[in-house]
Amino acid sequence: MANHLTVTCIQSNLVWENAVQNRINFEQKINAIQEATDVIVLPEMFTTGFTMHPKALAEDMDGKTVLWMKKIAQEKNSAICGSIVIKEHNNYYNRFIFATPKGEIHTYNKRHLFTLAGEHKQYKNDTSQVIITYKGWRICPLICYDLRFPVWSRNTQNYDALIYVANWPKPRINAWKTLLIARAIENMSYVIGLNRVGTDPNGNNYSGNSVIHDALGNNLCQLVEDDETAISTTLVKDELATIREKFNFLNDKDAFTLM
């Protein structure tokens, strides 16, 4: 079990609906990372942007992007994660994929589909919560709009870190900033929030504002607004345990079952 987990977030623009170019761009950015890292985080729908055209763009779990993620994970000796458009059993999913250096693949299908953009008309959601165990850390993966629904992220399974990957538009960026802090505080968990930058063909502008918080909601590091850049920080399990033991807030949480 590792006491330290180094996380690198890559805040980037996305080439609209062009998986080949996005993989090239991200590989260049990954190769530019100087320090050793345990987890590389990419945005929501990092090969396409937030597209509502899954029929033309979806891949399967043996497709080029998943194979690329496995390759990168092995070459860099680092897990790599982000969401892409996946077709499975004639359904389309906005799927978070976590690939490890050992070739293991963990997946989570977005629970809360963004009805304002019609995501629910093109994609199928899932009601399965996922906790990924990696290097002794328990990680809860979530996607963009999930951030607005605190019950879904409630720390009833004693995870250590939440990862949110997103295409969160700039006009509502205050909600992004505020809710990431809230999720960290209420769940006494590290929170990694990775958002894209740039503008898509639908006129949506994204400012990034990616950030990592500790279990008290303090900023450990954050990316400059609108910049294509990367940040790394190291999460420390002993520090998380100290905070939880000192305050014990999770001991008083409500018991409930999600339906």
Protein backbone atom coordinates (compact mmCIF):
# COMPACT_ATOMS: atom_id res chain seq x y z
CA MET A 1 0.00 0.00 0.00
CA ALA A 2 1.47 3.33 -1.08
CA ASN A 3 1.33 6.23 1.34
CA HIS A 4 1.90 8.67 -1.52
CA LEU A 5 0.02 8.95 -4.81
CA THR A 6 1.21 11.49 -7.37
CA VAL A 7 -1.54 12.73 -9.69
CA THR A 8 -0.98 14.67 -12.91
CA CYS A 9 -3.87 16.56 -14.51
CA ILE A 10 -3.60 17.59 -18.16
CA GLN A 11 -5.81 20.60 -18.89
CA SER A 12 -6.17 20.79 -22.66
CA ASN A 13 -8.17 21.99 -25.61
CA LEU A 14 -9.84 19.22 -27.63
CA VAL A 15 -10.00 18.79 -31.39
CA TRP A 16 -13.68 18.40 -32.22
CA GLU A 17 -14.67 14.81 -33.03
CA ASN A 18 -11.12 13.85 -34.07
CA ALA A 19 -9.89 10.94 -31.98
CA VAL A 20 -6.67 10.46 -33.95
CA GLN A 21 -5.50 14.05 -33.48
CA ASN A 22 -6.54 14.15 -29.83
CA ARG A 23 -4.53 10.99 -29.08
CA ILE A 24 -1.52 12.53 -30.83
CA ASN A 25 -1.89 15.77 -28.90
CA PHE A 26 -2.25 14.06 -25.54
CA GLU A 27 0.67 11.74 -26.17
CA GLN A 28 2.85 14.78 -26.81
CA LYS A 29 1.65 16.38 -23.58
CA ILE A 30 2.20 13.16 -21.65
CA ASN A 31 5.72 12.79 -23.05
CA ALA A 32 6.46 16.32 -21.84
CA ILE A 33 5.80 15.38 -18.19
CA GLN A 34 9.15 15.49 -16.44
CA GLU A 35 8.37 13.96 -13.06
CA ALA A 36 7.34 10.40 -12.30
CA THR A 37 3.61 10.17 -11.67
CA ASP A 38 1.16 7.48 -10.54
CA VAL A 39 -2.02 8.69 -12.26
CA ILE A 40 -2.49 10.79 -15.41
CA VAL A 41 -5.94 12.39 -15.69
CA LEU A 42 -7.48 13.46 -19.03
CA PRO A 43 -10.81 15.31 -19.55
CA GLU A 44 -14.30 14.02 -20.23
CA MET A 45 -14.72 12.73 -23.81
CA PHE A 46 -11.05 13.51 -24.41
CA THR A 47 -11.02 12.06 -27.94
CA THR A 48 -14.04 13.95 -29.27
CA GLY A 49 -15.20 16.83 -27.11
CA PHE A 50 -18.71 16.72 -25.63
CA THR A 51 -20.36 15.27 -28.72
CA MET A 52 -23.95 14.24 -29.23
CA HIS A 53 -23.01 12.10 -32.26
CA PRO A 54 -22.11 8.76 -30.68
CA LYS A 55 -23.24 6.63 -33.63
CA ALA A 56 -20.50 8.08 -35.82
CA LEU A 57 -17.79 8.26 -33.18
CA ALA A 58 -18.19 5.48 -30.63
CA GLU A 59 -15.45 2.93 -30.08
CA ASP A 60 -15.57 -0.41 -28.33
CA MET A 61 -13.44 -1.67 -25.47
CA ASP A 62 -11.02 -3.25 -27.95
CA GLY A 63 -10.82 -0.02 -29.93
CA LYS A 64 -7.88 2.24 -30.69
CA THR A 65 -8.28 4.57 -27.72
CA VAL A 66 -8.43 1.83 -25.07
CA LEU A 67 -5.42 0.14 -26.70
CA TRP A 68 -3.65 3.51 -26.71
CA MET A 69 -4.40 4.01 -23.02
CA LYS A 70 -2.98 0.56 -22.22
CA LYS A 71 0.16 1.39 -24.20
CA ILE A 72 0.66 4.74 -22.48
CA ALA A 73 0.08 3.21 -19.05
CA GLN A 74 2.69 0.54 -19.67
CA GLU A 75 5.24 2.89 -21.24
CA LYS A 76 4.94 5.52 -18.51
CA ASN A 77 4.40 3.08 -15.65
CA SER A 78 1.41 5.21 -14.68
CA ALA A 79 -2.32 4.71 -14.66
CA ILE A 80 -4.15 6.89 -17.18
CA CYS A 81 -7.81 7.84 -17.02
CA GLY A 82 -10.49 9.93 -18.70
CA SER A 83 -13.83 9.37 -20.43
CA ILE A 84 -14.60 8.44 -24.04
CA VAL A 85 -17.64 7.44 -26.11
CA ILE A 86 -18.17 3.67 -25.99
CA LYS A 87 -20.69 1.41 -27.76
CA GLU A 88 -21.66 -1.76 -25.94
CA HIS A 89 -24.66 -4.04 -26.48
CA ASN A 90 -26.19 -1.51 -28.90
CA ASN A 91 -26.05 1.24 -26.28
CA TYR A 92 -23.78 4.28 -26.13
CA TYR A 93 -22.05 5.32 -22.92
CA ASN A 94 -20.01 8.26 -21.69
CA ARG A 95 -17.52 5.92 -20.04
CA PHE A 96 -14.70 6.71 -17.62
CA ILE A 97 -11.78 4.37 -18.28
CA PHE A 98 -8.90 3.79 -15.86
CA ALA A 99 -6.01 1.82 -17.38
CA THR A 100 -3.15 0.59 -15.18
CA PRO A 101 0.45 -0.27 -16.10
CA LYS A 102 -0.37 -3.96 -15.54
CA GLY A 103 -3.01 -3.85 -18.29
CA GLU A 104 -6.00 -3.76 -15.95
CA ILE A 105 -9.02 -1.75 -17.10
CA HIS A 106 -11.60 -0.27 -14.71
CA THR A 107 -14.71 1.46 -16.04
CA TYR A 108 -17.53 3.69 -14.82
CA ASN A 109 -20.51 4.80 -16.91
CA LYS A 110 -21.76 8.33 -16.28
CA ARG A 111 -24.79 8.25 -13.97
CA HIS A 112 -26.20 11.75 -14.47
CA LEU A 113 -26.66 12.60 -18.14
CA PHE A 114 -26.74 16.28 -19.02
CA THR A 115 -30.34 16.75 -20.17
CA LEU A 116 -29.80 20.44 -20.95
CA ALA A 117 -27.65 19.34 -23.91
CA GLY A 118 -29.73 16.27 -24.76
CA GLU A 119 -27.14 13.78 -23.53
CA HIS A 120 -29.92 11.55 -22.21
CA LYS A 121 -31.32 11.17 -25.74
CA GLN A 122 -28.05 9.81 -27.15
CA TYR A 123 -26.47 7.92 -24.27
CA LYS A 124 -27.52 5.37 -21.70
CA ASN A 125 -26.71 5.99 -18.07
CA ASP A 126 -25.81 3.47 -15.40
CA THR A 127 -26.68 3.08 -11.74
CA SER A 128 -23.52 1.24 -10.70
CA GLN A 129 -21.14 2.96 -8.34
CA VAL A 130 -17.49 2.10 -8.86
CA ILE A 131 -14.53 2.20 -6.51
CA ILE A 132 -11.13 1.59 -8.09
CA THR A 133 -8.32 0.21 -5.94
CA TYR A 134 -4.90 1.26 -7.21
CA LYS A 135 -1.65 1.12 -5.25
CA GLY A 136 -3.69 0.71 -2.08
CA TRP A 137 -5.75 3.85 -2.77
CA ARG A 138 -9.52 3.67 -3.19
CA ILE A 139 -10.61 6.04 -5.96
CA CYS A 140 -14.17 7.00 -6.91
CA PRO A 141 -14.46 8.05 -10.59
CA LEU A 142 -17.19 10.50 -11.63
CA ILE A 143 -17.98 12.55 -14.72
CA CYS A 144 -18.89 16.24 -15.06
CA TYR A 145 -22.65 16.62 -14.33
CA ASP A 146 -22.33 14.02 -11.54
CA LEU A 147 -20.73 16.83 -9.54
CA ARG A 148 -24.13 18.47 -8.98
CA PHE A 149 -25.55 15.43 -7.16
CA PRO A 150 -23.95 14.96 -3.73
CA VAL A 151 -25.87 11.81 -2.79
CA TRP A 152 -24.24 9.92 -5.66
CA SER A 153 -20.74 10.78 -4.40
CA ARG A 154 -21.50 10.29 -0.70
CA ASN A 155 -18.55 8.60 0.97
CA THR A 156 -20.23 5.47 2.31
CA GLN A 157 -17.49 3.18 0.97
CA ASN A 158 -14.53 4.94 2.60
CA TYR A 159 -12.79 5.95 -0.59
CA ASP A 160 -9.71 8.16 -0.44
CA ALA A 161 -10.08 10.30 -3.57
CA LEU A 162 -12.74 11.50 -5.97
CA ILE A 163 -11.81 12.14 -9.60
CA TYR A 164 -14.11 14.33 -11.69
CA VAL A 165 -13.36 14.67 -15.42
CA ALA A 166 -15.37 17.32 -17.22
CA ASN A 167 -16.35 19.55 -20.11
CA TRP A 168 -17.74 22.24 -17.79
CA PRO A 169 -18.63 25.52 -19.58
CA LYS A 170 -17.17 28.81 -18.43
CA PRO A 171 -20.52 30.58 -17.75
CA ARG A 172 -21.18 28.10 -14.92
CA ILE A 173 -17.60 27.80 -13.70
CA ASN A 174 -18.46 29.21 -10.26
CA ALA A 175 -20.59 26.12 -9.64
CA TRP A 176 -17.64 23.92 -10.66
CA LYS A 177 -15.32 25.66 -8.21
CA THR A 178 -17.83 25.70 -5.36
CA LEU A 179 -19.07 22.13 -5.70
CA LEU A 180 -15.60 20.61 -5.91
CA ILE A 181 -14.77 22.22 -2.56
CA ALA A 182 -18.08 21.01 -1.13
CA ARG A 183 -17.49 17.42 -2.29
CA ALA A 184 -14.07 17.43 -0.61
CA ILE A 185 -15.39 18.82 2.68
CA GLU A 186 -18.53 16.72 2.98
CA ASN A 187 -16.78 13.47 2.03
CA MET A 188 -13.49 14.18 3.84
CA SER A 189 -11.73 13.11 0.67
CA TYR A 190 -9.12 14.33 -1.76
CA VAL A 191 -10.88 15.72 -4.85
CA ILE A 192 -9.32 15.97 -8.30
CA GLY A 193 -11.31 18.10 -10.77
CA LEU A 194 -9.99 18.12 -14.36
CA ASN A 195 -11.77 20.31 -16.93
CA ARG A 196 -10.96 21.12 -20.57
CA VAL A 197 -10.25 24.51 -22.13
CA GLY A 198 -11.07 26.05 -25.52
CA THR A 199 -14.28 26.47 -27.52
CA ASP A 200 -16.30 23.78 -29.28
CA PRO A 201 -18.34 24.19 -32.53
CA ASN A 202 -21.52 24.56 -30.48
CA GLY A 203 -20.17 27.84 -29.09
CA ASN A 204 -19.42 26.48 -25.63
CA ASN A 205 -16.37 28.08 -24.02
CA TYR A 206 -14.38 26.13 -21.42
CA SER A 207 -11.97 27.80 -19.01
CA GLY A 208 -10.44 24.77 -17.29
CA ASN A 209 -10.03 25.87 -13.66
CA SER A 210 -8.79 22.38 -12.86
CA VAL A 211 -7.88 21.87 -9.22
CA ILE A 212 -6.94 19.38 -6.52
CA HIS A 213 -8.35 19.79 -2.99
CA ASP A 214 -7.51 18.11 0.27
CA ALA A 215 -10.12 16.68 2.64
CA LEU A 216 -10.75 20.08 4.22
CA GLY A 217 -11.37 21.75 0.86
CA ASN A 218 -8.01 23.50 0.72
CA ASN A 219 -6.41 23.99 -2.70
CA LEU A 220 -3.32 21.84 -3.09
CA CYS A 221 -2.79 23.13 -6.62
CA GLN A 222 -4.81 24.61 -9.44
CA LEU A 223 -4.32 25.33 -13.11
CA VAL A 224 -4.40 28.79 -14.64
CA GLU A 225 -7.69 29.64 -16.29
CA ASP A 226 -7.79 29.07 -20.08
CA ASP A 227 -4.25 27.66 -20.25
CA GLU A 228 -3.26 24.36 -21.83
CA THR A 229 -0.98 23.02 -19.17
CA ALA A 230 -0.45 20.27 -16.62
CA ILE A 231 -0.03 20.08 -12.88
CA SER A 232 1.17 17.34 -10.56
CA THR A 233 0.69 16.99 -6.85
CA THR A 234 1.20 14.20 -4.36
CA LEU A 235 -1.63 12.95 -2.18
CA VAL A 236 -0.57 11.60 1.22
CA LYS A 237 -2.66 8.92 2.88
CA ASP A 238 -1.27 9.61 6.36
CA GLU A 239 -2.38 13.24 6.09
CA LEU A 240 -5.86 12.11 5.03
CA ALA A 241 -6.02 9.70 7.96
CA THR A 242 -4.91 12.41 10.39
CA ILE A 243 -7.69 14.75 9.23
CA ARG A 244 -10.32 12.01 9.49
CA GLU A 245 -9.16 10.86 12.90
CA LYS A 246 -9.06 14.41 14.26
CA PHE A 247 -12.57 15.36 13.18
CA ASN A 248 -14.40 12.02 12.74
CA PHE A 249 -17.17 13.70 10.70
CA LEU A 250 -17.69 10.60 8.56
CA ASN A 251 -18.68 8.65 11.69
CA ASP A 252 -21.82 10.78 11.90
CA LYS A 253 -22.96 10.35 8.29
CA ASP A 254 -26.49 9.22 7.50
CA ALA A 255 -27.07 5.61 6.53
CA PHE A 256 -29.05 5.08 3.35
CA THR A 257 -29.26 2.85 0.29
CA LEU A 258 -29.23 4.19 -3.23
CA MET A 259 -32.01 2.84 -5.43
